[in-house]
Amino acid sequence: EPTTNPLLPEMARFAKEELGALTKVGHTNGSGRIPDFVDEVAFSIKAYSSSIHEQYTGAPNESVLANFEDACSRGLRVTASTVLIPGAVGVEEVGRIAEFVGGVDRGIRLHITAYMPVPGVPYPEPSAQELRDACALAQKFVGSVSCWSAGKSNFFSLKRNSEAYDSVQVV
């Protein structure tokens, strides 16, 4: 989580003021405030409902939602994403996330990713219909919604056919 790095504010200041660079926090769970000197941020909102967020992450979400609103109010370019997880973060919860995001700024882009099951976790992959339903619901609240599902078979096909999905070991 980049916002836990105590050097992030100074790195952002240096990049912005000394190098004149566009600064972006490429992915954050929103648990920490986005420092000054950051131009753009991509938030991953795990859940809108406090009880679901706490069950999913083990932590409350009040600071996440407040940090999202704070970043928007300060004029940062903000995008949001979430993961559709049947049995945890379902279609209705994705709708609540979209309603929150759209309530802050309807122009914020929201990306919904379909959960890919992992061993030892009880949640199933969402059906294509569930993903379509989540995207349709989200579109009621935000102006730009994108959705993606690799699916297990598609993911392994991507991994075989594209270097972008290849794993490499860095020593």
Foldseek 3Di string as FASTA:
>chain_A
DVQVDPCQQVVLCCCCPVVVDAAEAEEDCQQHARHPNHQAYEHEDAFDDQVLCCVVPVDGCPSSLVNVLVCVVVNHQYAYEYEDWPPRCFLVRLLVVLQSVLVSPLAHEYEYEFDDDDPPDPIHTDDPVRQVSSQVSSVVRHVHYHYDYCYPVNLVVCQVVDPVNDDDDDD
